[in-house]
């Protein structure tokens, strides 16, 4: 009985951690969109929105993946 309880507890813990990581990645994405948009404006560039989103997605994805690789 204890093994089942521990397995369910570990499963719920993994689900909560995954949801929390997803929420933090979305918040980080919005922050990076703001930084990329503001930085390009300060540099005198006017990129279209799709390039801002692409750059932000690449930066956020790289940061998220590097966070998984740290042991």
PDB file of N, CA and C in Angstrom:
ATOM      1  N   UNK A   1       0.826  -1.203   0.000  1.00  0.00           N
ATOM      2  CA  UNK A   1       0.000   0.000   0.000  1.00  0.00           C
ATOM      3  C   UNK A   1       0.864   1.258   0.000  1.00  0.00           C
ATOM      4  N   UNK A   2       1.988   1.210   0.691  1.00  0.00           N
ATOM      5  CA  UNK A   2       2.866   2.367   0.763  1.00  0.00           C
ATOM      6  C   UNK A   2       3.497   2.708  -0.566  1.00  0.00           C
ATOM      7  N   UNK A   3       3.771   1.667  -1.382  1.00  0.00           N
ATOM      8  CA  UNK A   3       4.358   1.904  -2.700  1.00  0.00           C
ATOM      9  C   UNK A   3       3.382   2.624  -3.618  1.00  0.00           C
ATOM     10  N   UNK A   4       2.112   2.251  -3.532  1.00  0.00           N
ATOM     11  CA  UNK A   4       1.094   2.904  -4.372  1.00  0.00           C
ATOM     12  C   UNK A   4       0.928   4.363  -3.972  1.00  0.00           C
ATOM     13  N   UNK A   5       0.931   4.605  -2.681  1.00  0.00           N
ATOM     14  CA  UNK A   5       0.777   5.977  -2.192  1.00  0.00           C
ATOM     15  C   UNK A   5       1.959   6.844  -2.624  1.00  0.00           C
ATOM     16  N   UNK A   6       3.162   6.272  -2.548  1.00  0.00           N
ATOM     17  CA  UNK A   6       4.351   7.009  -2.973  1.00  0.00           C
ATOM     18  C   UNK A   6       4.335   7.250  -4.476  1.00  0.00           C
ATOM     19  N   UNK A   7       3.879   6.275  -5.252  1.00  0.00           N
ATOM     20  CA  UNK A   7       3.808   6.436  -6.705  1.00  0.00           C
ATOM     21  C   UNK A   7       2.820   7.527  -7.088  1.00  0.00           C
ATOM     22  N   UNK A   8       1.666   7.551  -6.443  1.00  0.00           N
ATOM     23  CA  UNK A   8       0.673   8.591  -6.728  1.00  0.00           C
ATOM     24  C   UNK A   8       1.203   9.946  -6.300  1.00  0.00           C
ATOM     25  N   UNK A   9       1.871   9.997  -5.167  1.00  0.00           N
ATOM     26  CA  UNK A   9       2.445  11.257  -4.683  1.00  0.00           C
ATOM     27  C   UNK A   9       3.510  11.781  -5.645  1.00  0.00           C
ATOM     28  N   UNK A  10       4.366  10.887  -6.131  1.00  0.00           N
ATOM     29  CA  UNK A  10       5.390  11.292  -7.100  1.00  0.00           C
ATOM     30  C   UNK A  10       4.763  11.762  -8.406  1.00  0.00           C
ATOM     31  N   UNK A  11       3.710  11.085  -8.847  1.00  0.00           N
ATOM     32  CA  UNK A  11       3.028  11.464 -10.083  1.00  0.00           C
ATOM     33  C   UNK A  11       2.410  12.853  -9.963  1.00  0.00           C
ATOM     34  N   UNK A  12       1.716  13.115  -8.870  1.00  0.00           N
ATOM     35  CA  UNK A  12       1.105  14.427  -8.652  1.00  0.00           C
ATOM     36  C   UNK A  12       2.176  15.498  -8.544  1.00  0.00           C
ATOM     37  N   UNK A  13       3.264  15.172  -7.891  1.00  0.00           N
ATOM     38  CA  UNK A  13       4.370  16.126  -7.767  1.00  0.00           C
ATOM     39  C   UNK A  13       4.952  16.472  -9.132  1.00  0.00           C
ATOM     40  N   UNK A  14       5.103  15.482 -10.003  1.00  0.00           N
ATOM     41  CA  UNK A  14       5.609  15.738 -11.353  1.00  0.00           C
ATOM     42  C   UNK A  14       4.646  16.585 -12.174  1.00  0.00           C
ATOM     43  N   UNK A  15       3.355  16.340 -12.042  1.00  0.00           N
ATOM     44  CA  UNK A  15       2.354  17.128 -12.770  1.00  0.00           C
ATOM     45  C   UNK A  15       2.380  18.579 -12.300  1.00  0.00           C
ATOM     46  N   UNK A  16       2.434  18.791 -10.999  1.00  0.00           N
ATOM     47  CA  UNK A  16       2.478  20.154 -10.458  1.00  0.00           C
ATOM     48  C   UNK A  16       3.747  20.872 -10.913  1.00  0.00           C
ATOM     49  N   UNK A  17       4.874  20.178 -10.889  1.00  0.00           N
ATOM     50  CA  UNK A  17       6.132  20.789 -11.329  1.00  0.00           C
ATOM     51  C   UNK A  17       6.085  21.131 -12.816  1.00  0.00           C
ATOM     52  N   UNK A  18       5.482  20.270 -13.621  1.00  0.00           N
ATOM     53  CA  UNK A  18       5.375  20.539 -15.059  1.00  0.00           C
ATOM     54  C   UNK A  18       4.491  21.738 -15.342  1.00  0.00           C
ATOM     55  N   UNK A  19       3.374  21.818 -14.654  1.00  0.00           N
ATOM     56  CA  UNK A  19       2.467  22.961 -14.844  1.00  0.00           C
ATOM     57  C   UNK A  19       3.139  24.252 -14.394  1.00  0.00           C
ATOM     58  N   UNK A  20       3.839  24.207 -13.282  1.00  0.00           N
ATOM     59  CA  UNK A  20       4.544  25.392 -12.798  1.00  0.00           C
ATOM     60  C   UNK A  20       5.630  25.824 -13.773  1.00  0.00           C
ATOM     61  N   UNK A  21       6.361  24.868 -14.341  1.00  0.00           N
ATOM     62  CA  UNK A  21       7.401  25.193 -15.320  1.00  0.00           C
ATOM     63  C   UNK A  21       6.790  25.815 -16.569  1.00  0.00           C
ATOM     64  N   UNK A  22       5.646  25.308 -17.002  1.00  0.00           N
ATOM     65  CA  UNK A  22       4.970  25.871 -18.168  1.00  0.00           C
ATOM     66  C   UNK A  22       4.511  27.302 -17.905  1.00  0.00           C
ATOM     67  N   UNK A  23       3.967  27.549 -16.737  1.00  0.00           N
ATOM     68  CA  UNK A  23       3.517  28.907 -16.387  1.00  0.00           C
ATOM     69  C   UNK A  23       4.702  29.867 -16.338  1.00  0.00           C
ATOM     70  N   UNK A  24       5.802  29.431 -15.731  1.00  0.00           N
ATOM     71  CA  UNK A  24       6.985  30.289 -15.669  1.00  0.00           C
ATOM     72  C   UNK A  24       7.582  30.536 -17.046  1.00  0.00           C
ATOM     73  N   UNK A  25       7.522  29.548 -17.933  1.00  0.00           N
ATOM     74  CA  UNK A  25       8.026  29.738 -19.297  1.00  0.00           C
ATOM     75  C   UNK A  25       7.165  30.742 -20.056  1.00  0.00           C
ATOM     76  N   UNK A  26       5.861  30.713 -19.859  1.00  0.00           N
ATOM     77  CA  UNK A  26       4.975  31.671 -20.525  1.00  0.00           C
ATOM     78  C   UNK A  26       5.230  33.081 -20.016  1.00  0.00           C
ATOM     79  N   UNK A  27       5.383  33.221 -18.712  1.00  0.00           N
ATOM     80  CA  UNK A  27       5.687  34.539 -18.142  1.00  0.00           C
ATOM     81  C   UNK A  27       7.038  35.037 -18.662  1.00  0.00           C
ATOM     82  N   UNK A  28       8.011  34.156 -18.706  1.00  0.00           N
ATOM     83  CA  UNK A  28       9.318  34.531 -19.242  1.00  0.00           C
ATOM     84  C   UNK A  28       9.250  34.921 -20.699  1.00  0.00           C
ATOM     85  N   UNK A  29       8.402  34.237 -21.469  1.00  0.00           N
ATOM     86  CA  UNK A  29       8.232  34.575 -22.885  1.00  0.00           C
ATOM     87  C   UNK A  29       7.698  35.994 -23.037  1.00  0.00           C
ATOM     88  N   UNK A  30       6.698  36.368 -22.245  1.00  0.00           N
ATOM     89  CA  UNK A  30       6.160  37.730 -22.331  1.00  0.00           C
ATOM     90  C   UNK A  30       7.204  38.770 -21.957  1.00  0.00           C
ATOM     91  N   UNK A  31       8.022  38.465 -20.962  1.00  0.00           N
ATOM     92  CA  UNK A  31       9.084  39.395 -20.573  1.00  0.00           C
ATOM     93  C   UNK A  31      10.104  39.534 -21.698  1.00  0.00           C
ATOM     94  N   UNK A  32      10.469  38.427 -22.329  1.00  0.00           N
ATOM     95  CA  UNK A  32      11.453  38.474 -23.415  1.00  0.00           C
ATOM     96  C   UNK A  32      10.888  39.207 -24.624  1.00  0.00           C
ATOM     97  N   UNK A  33       9.586  39.045 -24.911  1.00  0.00           N
ATOM     98  CA  UNK A  33       8.957  39.805 -26.006  1.00  0.00           C
ATOM     99  C   UNK A  33       9.089  41.296 -25.740  1.00  0.00           C
ATOM    100  N   UNK A  34       8.830  41.706 -24.515  1.00  0.00           N
ATOM    101  CA  UNK A  34       8.954  43.118 -24.163  1.00  0.00           C
ATOM    102  C   UNK A  34      10.394  43.597 -24.320  1.00  0.00           C
ATOM    103  N   UNK A  35      11.356  42.806 -23.857  1.00  0.00           N
ATOM    104  CA  UNK A  35      12.761  43.200 -23.932  1.00  0.00           C
ATOM    105  C   UNK A  35      13.225  43.287 -25.383  1.00  0.00           C
ATOM    106  N   UNK A  36      12.857  42.305 -26.211  1.00  0.00           N
ATOM    107  CA  UNK A  36      13.264  42.319 -27.613  1.00  0.00           C
ATOM    108  C   UNK A  36      12.630  43.494 -28.346  1.00  0.00           C
ATOM    109  N   UNK A  37      11.361  43.733 -28.090  1.00  0.00           N
ATOM    110  CA  UNK A  37      10.672  44.843 -28.749  1.00  0.00           C
ATOM    111  C   UNK A  37      11.258  46.189 -28.328  1.00  0.00           C
ATOM    112  N   UNK A  38      11.481  46.358 -27.046  1.00  0.00           N
ATOM    113  CA  UNK A  38      12.044  47.612 -26.546  1.00  0.00           C
ATOM    114  C   UNK A  38      13.484  47.800 -27.018  1.00  0.00           C
ATOM    115  N   UNK A  39      14.272  46.725 -26.968  1.00  0.00           N
ATOM    116  CA  UNK A  39      15.666  46.812 -27.407  1.00  0.00           C
ATOM    117  C   UNK A  39      15.791  47.143 -28.881  1.00  0.00           C
ATOM    118  N   UNK A  40      14.943  46.557 -29.709  1.00  0.00           N
ATOM    119  CA  UNK A  40      15.007  46.870 -31.136  1.00  0.00           C
ATOM    120  C   UNK A  40      14.546  48.298 -31.395  1.00  0.00           C
ATOM    121  N   UNK A  41      13.592  48.785 -30.617  1.00  0.00           N
ATOM    122  CA  UNK A  41      13.167  50.178 -30.757  1.00  0.00           C
ATOM    123  C   UNK A  41      14.258  51.152 -30.367  1.00  0.00           C
ATOM    124  N   UNK A  42      14.983  50.818 -29.290  1.00  0.00           N
ATOM    125  CA  UNK A  42      16.081  51.685 -28.861  1.00  0.00           C
ATOM    126  C   UNK A  42      17.232  51.671 -29.864  1.00  0.00           C
ATOM    127  N   UNK A  43      17.394  50.557 -30.565  1.00  0.00           N
ATOM    128  CA  UNK A  43      18.461  50.458 -31.561  1.00  0.00           C
ATOM    129  C   UNK A  43      18.069  51.080 -32.898  1.00  0.00           C
ATOM    130  N   UNK A  44      16.829  51.521 -33.014  1.00  0.00           N
ATOM    131  CA  UNK A  44      16.383  52.167 -34.242  1.00  0.00           C
ATOM    132  C   UNK A  44      15.781  51.227 -35.271  1.00  0.00           C
ATOM    133  N   UNK A  45      15.527  49.987 -34.867  1.00  0.00           N
ATOM    134  CA  UNK A  45      14.914  49.013 -35.780  1.00  0.00           C
ATOM    135  C   UNK A  45      13.420  48.948 -35.524  1.00  0.00           C
ATOM    136  N   UNK A  46      12.675  48.642 -36.554  1.00  0.00           N
ATOM    137  CA  UNK A  46      11.237  48.439 -36.431  1.00  0.00           C
ATOM    138  C   UNK A  46      10.879  47.073 -37.022  1.00  0.00           C
ATOM    139  N   UNK A  47      11.213  45.980 -36.327  1.00  0.00           N
ATOM    140  CA  UNK A  47      10.894  44.658 -36.878  1.00  0.00           C
ATOM    141  C   UNK A  47       9.397  44.389 -36.793  1.00  0.00           C
ATOM    142  N   UNK A  48       8.920  43.548 -37.703  1.00  0.00           N
ATOM    143  CA  UNK A  48       7.510  43.177 -37.634  1.00  0.00           C
ATOM    144  C   UNK A  48       7.305  42.250 -36.435  1.00  0.00           C
ATOM    145  N   UNK A  49       6.058  42.098 -36.050  1.00  0.00           N
ATOM    146  CA  UNK A  49       5.743  41.322 -34.859  1.00  0.00           C
ATOM    147  C   UNK A  49       6.145  39.872 -34.940  1.00  0.00           C
ATOM    148  N   UNK A  50       6.109  39.307 -36.152  1.00  0.00           N
ATOM    149  CA  UNK A  50       6.461  37.887 -36.254  1.00  0.00           C
ATOM    150  C   UNK A  50       7.942  37.646 -35.981  1.00  0.00           C
ATOM    151  N   UNK A  51       8.802  38.606 -36.339  1.00  0.00           N
ATOM    152  CA  UNK A  51      10.224  38.441 -36.042  1.00  0.00           C
ATOM    153  C   UNK A  51      10.512  38.648 -34.556  1.00  0.00           C
ATOM    154  N   UNK A  52       9.755  39.524 -33.921  1.00  0.00           N
ATOM    155  CA  UNK A  52       9.911  39.714 -32.475  1.00  0.00           C
ATOM    156  C   UNK A  52       9.511  38.434 -31.748  1.00  0.00           C
ATOM    157  N   UNK A  53       8.399  37.833 -32.154  1.00  0.00           N
ATOM    158  CA  UNK A  53       7.944  36.595 -31.522  1.00  0.00           C
ATOM    159  C   UNK A  53       8.925  35.456 -31.803  1.00  0.00           C
ATOM    160  N   UNK A  54       9.449  35.381 -33.026  1.00  0.00           N
ATOM    161  CA  UNK A  54      10.418  34.338 -33.349  1.00  0.00           C
ATOM    162  C   UNK A  54      11.670  34.459 -32.495  1.00  0.00           C
ATOM    163  N   UNK A  55      12.210  35.661 -32.393  1.00  0.00           N
ATOM    164  CA  UNK A  55      13.408  35.872 -31.576  1.00  0.00           C
ATOM    165  C   UNK A  55      13.127  35.554 -30.112  1.00  0.00           C
ATOM    166  N   UNK A  56      11.980  35.957 -29.632  1.00  0.00           N
ATOM    167  CA  UNK A  56      11.623  35.685 -28.236  1.00  0.00           C
ATOM    168  C   UNK A  56      11.441  34.194 -27.987  1.00  0.00           C
ATOM    169  N   UNK A  57      10.849  33.492 -28.942  1.00  0.00           N
ATOM    170  CA  UNK A  57      10.654  32.049 -28.778  1.00  0.00           C
ATOM    171  C   UNK A  57      11.993  31.323 -28.755  1.00  0.00           C
ATOM    172  N   UNK A  58      12.920  31.734 -29.597  1.00  0.00           N
ATOM    173  CA  UNK A  58      14.242  31.100 -29.614  1.00  0.00           C
ATOM    174  C   UNK A  58      14.972  31.355 -28.299  1.00  0.00           C
ATOM    175  N   UNK A  59      14.940  32.578 -27.819  1.00  0.00           N
ATOM    176  CA  UNK A  59      15.626  32.920 -26.570  1.00  0.00           C
ATOM    177  C   UNK A  59      14.997  32.179 -25.390  1.00  0.00           C
ATOM    178  N   UNK A  60      13.657  32.176 -25.312  1.00  0.00           N
ATOM    179  CA  UNK A  60      12.976  31.512 -24.207  1.00  0.00           C
ATOM    180  C   UNK A  60      13.187  30.001 -24.257  1.00  0.00           C
ATOM    181  N   UNK A  61      13.134  29.434 -25.453  1.00  0.00           N
ATOM    182  CA  UNK A  61      13.369  27.999 -25.584  1.00  0.00           C
ATOM    183  C   UNK A  61      14.771  27.605 -25.170  1.00  0.00           C
ATOM    184  N   UNK A  62      15.748  28.396 -25.570  1.00  0.00           N
ATOM    185  CA  UNK A  62      17.133  28.111 -25.189  1.00  0.00           C
ATOM    186  C   UNK A  62      17.320  28.237 -23.677  1.00  0.00           C
ATOM    187  N   UNK A  63      16.702  29.241 -23.080  1.00  0.00           N
ATOM    188  CA  UNK A  63      16.825  29.412 -21.628  1.00  0.00           C
ATOM    189  C   UNK A  63      16.137  28.280 -20.876  1.00  0.00           C
ATOM    190  N   UNK A  64      14.996  27.834 -21.366  1.00  0.00           N
ATOM    191  CA  UNK A  64      14.281  26.746 -20.724  1.00  0.00           C
ATOM    192  C   UNK A  64      15.058  25.439 -20.836  1.00  0.00           C
ATOM    193  N   UNK A  65      15.587  25.161 -22.022  1.00  0.00           N
ATOM    194  CA  UNK A  65      16.355  23.942 -22.207  1.00  0.00           C
ATOM    195  C   UNK A  65      17.649  23.951 -21.389  1.00  0.00           C
ATOM    196  N   UNK A  66      18.279  25.109 -21.285  1.00  0.00           N
ATOM    197  CA  UNK A  66      19.500  25.168 -20.484  1.00  0.00           C
ATOM    198  C   UNK A  66      19.185  24.977 -19.000  1.00  0.00           C
ATOM    199  N   UNK A  67      17.998  25.375 -18.585  1.00  0.00           N
ATOM    200  CA  UNK A  67      17.598  25.131 -17.199  1.00  0.00           C
ATOM    201  C   UNK A  67      17.398  23.658 -16.914  1.00  0.00           C
ATOM    202  N   UNK A  68      16.937  22.902 -17.904  1.00  0.00           N
ATOM    203  CA  UNK A  68      16.781  21.458 -17.729  1.00  0.00           C
ATOM    204  C   UNK A  68      18.135  20.743 -17.687  1.00  0.00           C
ATOM    205  N   UNK A  69      19.143  21.292 -18.337  1.00  0.00           N
ATOM    206  CA  UNK A  69      20.418  20.610 -18.444  1.00  0.00           C
ATOM    207  C   UNK A  69      21.299  20.762 -17.198  1.00  0.00           C
ATOM    208  N   UNK A  70      20.977  21.723 -16.348  1.00  0.00           N
ATOM    209  CA  UNK A  70      21.769  21.933 -15.141  1.00  0.00           C
ATOM    210  C   UNK A  70      21.455  20.807 -14.150  1.00  0.00           C
ATOM    211  N   UNK A  71      22.479  20.191 -13.647  1.00  0.00           N
ATOM    212  CA  UNK A  71      22.283  19.075 -12.713  1.00  0.00           C
ATOM    213  C   UNK A  71      22.483  19.502 -11.293  1.00  0.00           C
TER     214      UNK A  71
END
